Amino acid sequence: MPNPDRSFSGYSFAGAALNRGDALRDDPDALSKLWPDARVLVLDGDGTAFADATGQPFLINGRELGGGPGASVFLGLSAEGRAWFVAEAGTLTVRAPNRIDLRQAAASWPAEAADVFCYARGMSYWHSRNRFCGVCGAAVRFGRAGFIGHCDQCGTEHYPRVDPAVIVAVENNNRLLLGRQSNWVARRYSVLAGFVEPGETFEQTVAREVFEESKVRVIESRYMGTQPWPFPGALMVGFFATAQDDTPKVNGELEDARWFSVEEVGAALRRDVEDDGQGVLLPPRISIARTLINHWYQCKTG
């Protein structure tokens, strides 16, 4: 298993977090005072964000929008004490030259703005999927600056949620297990992943998911790090694992799974710079999947 003393970093959406300012969510007067100088990220219904003509963040301040926070969701405070909000484009009259999705923004925006976009995208998705009560079907009224949904009919309260999923770099005898789904771009392979089920620990999920997808038996696993992944609403929990010397076999969840040598993984990493058009391709640099692969390779080579 790779050396635990080596640093594990490099993926997106894991930088310095906003101060969530929980107490401010119940203080509309304080939020109104923060509003004029606040940065407001605007998202369309499909989760894309307003961008300027060059694809960079198109951020508006509350003073430009006028009024107060209204239906905007309060995200928190930056290190300098400036408030951040996210607003739905349909509630505003302002327009922007471009739109950008979160994956593109992760690769091209400043880290702070990309991290806020990730956070905002998750909140926007939760709002869009919880407009009606899952208990009685009545309309949900949002309060606490967008962080609680209340059903006036049955009294149920709804809170923001994420779905945890494990993602794991599995090794055996200096080989790395990679698989691919049929709907991915041609030649793309990645480490294995799957959602946590009720009653499971993360480690149990690692063993179950790897076996279900590849029939490879995990011996042990070790937690490495997490990445918010709002596509649409997951939290990726990264692991390294060692496994038995099993031959991978797929049964429909994956199109293919196989062991790759250190040399093959190194060649795949180099295709970021010069693609020979033949071998496998790896996940984008923004993902914890890619960091798991990079980290494994670095530990094996040096």
Protein backbone atom coordinates (compact mmCIF):
# COMPACT_ATOMS: atom_id res chain seq x y z
CA MET A 1 0.00 0.00 0.00
CA PRO A 2 1.37 3.51 -0.81
CA ASN A 3 3.39 5.39 1.77
CA PRO A 4 0.96 7.24 4.11
CA ASP A 5 3.58 9.92 4.86
CA ARG A 6 3.45 11.36 1.36
CA SER A 7 1.18 14.35 0.83
CA PHE A 8 -2.22 13.69 -0.70
CA SER A 9 -3.56 16.77 -2.47
CA GLY A 10 -4.06 18.42 -5.84
CA TYR A 11 -7.76 17.89 -6.53
CA SER A 12 -10.32 20.68 -6.80
CA PHE A 13 -12.95 21.95 -4.35
CA ALA A 14 -10.85 21.18 -1.27
CA GLY A 15 -9.24 24.56 -0.59
CA ALA A 16 -9.82 27.00 2.24
CA ALA A 17 -13.52 26.89 3.05
CA LEU A 18 -15.77 29.84 3.68
CA ASN A 19 -16.76 30.59 7.25
CA ARG A 20 -20.28 29.16 7.01
CA GLY A 21 -21.59 31.81 9.42
CA ASP A 22 -24.29 29.57 10.84
CA ALA A 23 -25.49 32.14 13.40
CA LEU A 24 -26.03 34.73 10.65
CA ARG A 25 -28.61 32.52 8.93
CA ASP A 26 -31.11 33.45 11.65
CA ASP A 27 -30.25 37.17 11.54
CA PRO A 28 -31.91 38.85 8.52
CA ASP A 29 -30.80 42.30 9.68
CA ALA A 30 -27.13 41.24 9.71
CA LEU A 31 -27.48 39.65 6.26
CA SER A 32 -29.09 42.82 4.91
CA LYS A 33 -26.11 44.83 6.16
CA LEU A 34 -23.69 42.43 4.47
CA TRP A 35 -25.65 42.41 1.21
CA PRO A 36 -24.41 45.64 -0.47
CA ASP A 37 -20.77 44.50 -0.52
CA ALA A 38 -21.48 40.79 -0.90
CA ARG A 39 -20.33 38.75 -3.88
CA VAL A 40 -23.24 37.06 -5.61
CA LEU A 41 -22.69 34.02 -7.79
CA VAL A 42 -25.57 33.50 -10.23
CA LEU A 43 -26.55 30.01 -11.41
CA ASP A 44 -28.92 28.94 -14.16
CA GLY A 45 -31.40 26.14 -13.65
CA ASP A 46 -29.00 23.66 -15.24
CA GLY A 47 -26.30 24.44 -12.66
CA THR A 48 -24.06 26.51 -14.92
CA ALA A 49 -22.74 29.81 -13.58
CA PHE A 50 -22.65 33.28 -15.06
CA ALA A 51 -19.24 34.00 -16.62
CA ASP A 52 -17.70 36.99 -18.34
CA ALA A 53 -16.60 37.17 -21.97
CA THR A 54 -13.36 35.32 -21.17
CA GLY A 55 -15.07 32.58 -19.15
CA GLN A 56 -13.99 33.97 -15.79
CA PRO A 57 -16.37 34.52 -12.84
CA PHE A 58 -19.11 37.08 -13.46
CA LEU A 59 -19.64 38.22 -9.90
CA ILE A 60 -22.14 40.90 -8.97
CA ASN A 61 -22.32 42.71 -5.66
CA GLY A 62 -25.52 43.20 -3.77
CA ARG A 63 -25.39 46.97 -4.29
CA GLU A 64 -25.60 46.45 -8.06
CA LEU A 65 -28.57 44.12 -7.67
CA GLY A 66 -30.30 46.39 -5.17
CA GLY A 67 -32.80 45.41 -2.50
CA GLY A 68 -31.73 42.70 -0.07
CA PRO A 69 -30.80 39.02 -0.11
CA GLY A 70 -34.42 37.95 -0.73
CA ALA A 71 -34.44 34.34 -1.96
CA SER A 72 -30.65 34.21 -2.39
CA VAL A 73 -28.87 31.58 -0.33
CA PHE A 74 -26.24 32.83 2.11
CA LEU A 75 -23.10 30.73 1.68
CA GLY A 76 -20.78 32.30 4.24
CA LEU A 77 -17.94 34.75 4.76
CA SER A 78 -14.53 34.92 3.12
CA ALA A 79 -11.36 35.32 5.19
CA GLU A 80 -11.71 39.08 4.64
CA GLY A 81 -15.25 39.05 6.03
CA ARG A 82 -17.06 39.56 2.72
CA ALA A 83 -20.32 37.65 2.37
CA TRP A 84 -21.02 35.25 -0.49
CA PHE A 85 -24.49 34.43 -1.78
CA VAL A 86 -25.84 32.33 -4.63
CA ALA A 87 -28.90 33.46 -6.58
CA GLU A 88 -31.02 31.81 -9.26
CA ALA A 89 -30.77 33.51 -12.64
CA GLY A 90 -34.53 33.29 -13.05
CA THR A 91 -35.09 35.58 -10.07
CA LEU A 92 -32.89 38.39 -11.48
CA THR A 93 -32.93 40.74 -14.44
CA VAL A 94 -29.14 40.85 -14.79
CA ARG A 95 -27.54 39.11 -17.78
CA ALA A 96 -24.03 37.79 -18.43
CA PRO A 97 -22.03 37.17 -21.64
CA ASN A 98 -21.32 33.48 -20.96
CA ARG A 99 -22.15 30.41 -18.92
CA ILE A 100 -19.69 27.86 -17.57
CA ASP A 101 -20.14 24.46 -15.97
CA LEU A 102 -18.40 23.43 -12.77
CA ARG A 103 -15.88 21.07 -14.35
CA GLN A 104 -14.67 23.82 -16.68
CA ALA A 105 -14.58 26.34 -13.85
CA ALA A 106 -12.52 23.99 -11.68
CA ALA A 107 -9.83 23.98 -14.35
CA SER A 108 -9.85 27.70 -15.20
CA TRP A 109 -11.22 29.80 -12.31
CA PRO A 110 -9.28 30.99 -9.26
CA ALA A 111 -9.48 28.30 -6.58
CA GLU A 112 -11.61 30.34 -4.17
CA ALA A 113 -14.26 31.08 -6.79
CA ALA A 114 -14.29 27.46 -8.01
CA ASP A 115 -14.69 26.19 -4.44
CA VAL A 116 -17.61 28.57 -3.85
CA PHE A 117 -19.17 27.45 -7.15
CA CYS A 118 -18.94 23.83 -5.95
CA TYR A 119 -20.68 24.74 -2.69
CA ALA A 120 -23.29 26.85 -4.48
CA ARG A 121 -23.97 24.11 -7.04
CA GLY A 122 -24.65 21.62 -4.27
CA MET A 123 -27.08 23.99 -2.53
CA SER A 124 -28.81 24.82 -5.80
CA TYR A 125 -29.29 21.14 -6.60
CA TRP A 126 -30.68 20.43 -3.13
CA HIS A 127 -33.18 23.29 -3.48
CA SER A 128 -34.28 22.12 -6.92
CA ARG A 129 -34.97 18.59 -5.65
CA ASN A 130 -36.76 19.59 -2.44
CA ARG A 131 -39.42 22.08 -3.50
CA PHE A 132 -42.08 19.65 -2.29
CA CYS A 133 -42.22 17.64 0.91
CA GLY A 134 -41.19 14.01 0.53
CA VAL A 135 -43.58 13.04 3.35
CA CYS A 136 -46.88 14.65 2.32
CA GLY A 137 -46.21 16.32 -1.06
CA ALA A 138 -46.99 19.88 0.02
CA ALA A 139 -44.86 22.84 -1.06
CA VAL A 140 -41.71 23.48 0.98
CA ARG A 141 -40.89 26.92 2.36
CA PHE A 142 -37.17 27.68 2.71
CA GLY A 143 -35.79 29.55 5.71
CA ARG A 144 -32.54 30.17 7.57
CA ALA A 145 -31.11 31.91 4.49
CA GLY A 146 -31.78 28.85 2.36
CA PHE A 147 -30.54 26.12 4.72
CA ILE A 148 -33.78 24.60 5.92
CA GLY A 149 -36.98 23.62 4.14
CA HIS A 150 -40.16 23.60 6.19
CA CYS A 151 -43.42 21.92 5.26
CA ASP A 152 -46.30 23.96 6.70
CA GLN A 153 -48.73 21.11 6.08
CA CYS A 154 -47.10 18.25 8.03
CA GLY A 155 -44.36 20.12 9.90
CA THR A 156 -41.45 18.11 8.47
CA GLU A 157 -38.15 19.96 8.25
CA HIS A 158 -35.74 19.23 5.40
CA TYR A 159 -32.00 19.88 5.59
CA PRO A 160 -29.24 19.99 2.95
CA ARG A 161 -27.76 16.59 2.30
CA VAL A 162 -25.03 14.91 0.33
CA ASP A 163 -24.63 11.28 -0.72
CA PRO A 164 -21.32 9.72 0.40
CA ALA A 165 -19.51 7.51 -2.08
CA VAL A 166 -16.20 5.71 -1.75
CA ILE A 167 -13.57 5.91 -4.46
CA VAL A 168 -10.64 3.56 -4.19
CA ALA A 169 -7.25 2.85 -5.72
CA VAL A 170 -6.87 -0.94 -5.42
CA GLU A 171 -3.43 -2.50 -5.80
CA ASN A 172 -1.93 -5.97 -5.95
CA ASN A 173 1.72 -6.85 -6.66
CA ASN A 174 2.59 -3.37 -7.95
CA ARG A 175 -0.48 -3.27 -10.19
CA LEU A 176 -3.39 -0.83 -10.07
CA LEU A 177 -7.00 -1.86 -10.71
CA LEU A 178 -8.77 0.44 -13.18
CA GLY A 179 -12.15 0.12 -14.86
CA ARG A 180 -14.32 1.94 -17.36
CA GLN A 181 -18.01 2.58 -17.87
CA SER A 182 -19.50 2.23 -21.33
CA ASN A 183 -20.74 5.84 -21.43
CA TRP A 184 -17.30 7.37 -20.81
CA VAL A 185 -15.20 8.90 -23.54
CA ALA A 186 -13.22 6.35 -25.53
CA ARG A 187 -10.18 4.84 -23.74
CA ARG A 188 -11.00 6.50 -20.37
CA TYR A 189 -10.25 4.34 -17.31
CA SER A 190 -10.45 5.26 -13.64
CA VAL A 191 -10.35 3.85 -10.14
CA LEU A 192 -13.49 2.14 -8.84
CA ALA A 193 -16.23 3.95 -6.89
CA GLY A 194 -19.68 3.40 -5.46
CA PHE A 195 -22.26 4.81 -3.08
CA VAL A 196 -22.45 3.90 0.60
CA GLU A 197 -25.51 1.86 1.52
CA PRO A 198 -27.44 2.02 4.83
CA GLY A 199 -25.75 0.16 7.67
CA GLU A 200 -22.27 0.18 6.09
CA THR A 201 -18.97 1.63 7.17
CA PHE A 202 -16.83 3.20 4.46
CA GLU A 203 -14.42 0.29 4.66
CA GLN A 204 -17.26 -2.19 4.16
CA THR A 205 -18.43 -0.21 1.15
CA VAL A 206 -14.93 -0.36 -0.34
CA ALA A 207 -14.86 -4.14 -0.10
CA ARG A 208 -18.42 -4.60 -1.36
CA GLU A 209 -18.21 -2.19 -4.30
CA VAL A 210 -14.85 -3.47 -5.54
CA PHE A 211 -16.09 -7.05 -5.42
CA GLU A 212 -19.45 -6.23 -7.05
CA GLU A 213 -17.82 -4.36 -9.91
CA SER A 214 -14.74 -6.50 -10.51
CA LYS A 215 -14.91 -9.69 -8.38
CA VAL A 216 -11.61 -8.62 -6.82
CA ARG A 217 -11.43 -9.27 -3.05
CA VAL A 218 -10.10 -6.42 -0.90
CA ILE A 219 -7.79 -7.36 2.01
CA GLU A 220 -7.49 -3.97 3.72
CA SER A 221 -8.15 -0.32 3.01
CA ARG A 222 -6.99 3.03 4.31
CA TYR A 223 -8.72 6.42 4.19
CA MET A 224 -6.88 9.17 2.28
CA GLY A 225 -9.13 12.21 1.82
CA THR A 226 -12.46 13.56 0.62
CA GLN A 227 -13.71 15.74 -2.22
CA PRO A 228 -17.09 17.45 -2.56
CA TRP A 229 -18.43 16.29 -5.91
CA PRO A 230 -21.75 17.98 -6.73
CA PHE A 231 -22.44 15.99 -9.92
CA PRO A 232 -25.09 16.17 -8.70
CA GLY A 233 -24.68 15.84 -4.93
CA ALA A 234 -21.96 13.44 -3.78
CA LEU A 235 -19.06 13.48 -1.36
CA MET A 236 -16.22 11.31 -2.64
CA VAL A 237 -14.35 9.52 0.16
CA GLY A 238 -10.96 8.40 -1.11
CA PHE A 239 -9.21 5.17 -0.09
CA PHE A 240 -6.21 3.05 -0.95
CA ALA A 241 -6.72 -0.70 -0.73
CA THR A 242 -4.75 -3.90 -1.20
CA ALA A 243 -6.43 -6.91 -2.74
CA GLN A 244 -6.11 -10.59 -3.45
CA ASP A 245 -4.46 -11.74 -6.66
CA ASP A 246 -7.83 -12.08 -8.41
CA THR A 247 -8.54 -11.77 -12.12
CA PRO A 248 -11.01 -8.89 -12.64
CA LYS A 249 -14.39 -9.92 -14.05
CA VAL A 250 -17.17 -7.45 -14.89
CA ASN A 251 -20.90 -8.11 -14.87
CA GLY A 252 -22.51 -5.00 -16.33
CA GLU A 253 -21.72 -2.16 -13.91
CA LEU A 254 -18.43 -1.72 -15.75
CA GLU A 255 -17.60 -2.36 -19.38
CA ASP A 256 -14.08 -3.48 -18.50
CA ALA A 257 -11.73 -3.75 -15.51
CA ARG A 258 -8.13 -4.86 -15.44
CA TRP A 259 -4.81 -4.59 -13.64
CA PHE A 260 -2.32 -2.02 -14.93
CA SER A 261 1.41 -2.05 -14.29
CA VAL A 262 3.40 0.90 -13.00
CA GLU A 263 4.78 1.40 -16.52
CA GLU A 264 1.31 1.42 -18.06
CA VAL A 265 0.03 3.96 -15.53
CA GLY A 266 3.07 6.15 -16.18
CA ALA A 267 2.41 6.06 -19.93
CA ALA A 268 -1.23 7.00 -19.30
CA LEU A 269 -0.17 9.98 -17.18
CA ARG A 270 2.14 11.17 -19.95
CA ARG A 271 -0.73 11.19 -22.43
CA ASP A 272 -1.93 14.42 -20.79
CA VAL A 273 0.98 16.06 -22.63
CA GLU A 274 1.29 13.91 -25.72
CA ASP A 275 -1.51 11.49 -26.58
CA ASP A 276 -0.38 8.62 -28.77
CA GLY A 277 -4.00 7.83 -29.62
CA GLN A 278 -3.62 4.24 -28.51
CA GLY A 279 -3.42 3.64 -24.77
CA VAL A 280 -5.79 4.40 -21.94
CA LEU A 281 -6.68 7.90 -20.74
CA LEU A 282 -7.08 8.88 -17.09
CA PRO A 283 -9.62 11.07 -15.25
CA PRO A 284 -9.18 14.87 -15.32
CA ARG A 285 -6.77 16.52 -12.91
CA ILE A 286 -9.58 18.18 -10.96
CA SER A 287 -10.80 14.86 -9.52
CA ILE A 288 -9.77 12.91 -6.44
CA ALA A 289 -9.74 9.88 -8.76
CA ARG A 290 -6.78 11.36 -10.60
CA THR A 291 -5.03 12.26 -7.35
CA LEU A 292 -5.37 8.67 -6.14
CA ILE A 293 -3.76 7.45 -9.37
CA ASN A 294 -1.01 10.09 -9.27
CA HIS A 295 -0.24 9.35 -5.63
CA TRP A 296 -0.03 5.60 -6.23
CA TYR A 297 2.32 6.12 -9.18
CA GLN A 298 4.56 8.56 -7.29
CA CYS A 299 4.85 6.15 -4.38
CA LYS A 300 5.85 3.35 -6.74
CA THR A 301 8.43 5.37 -8.65
CA GLY A 302 9.96 7.52 -6.15
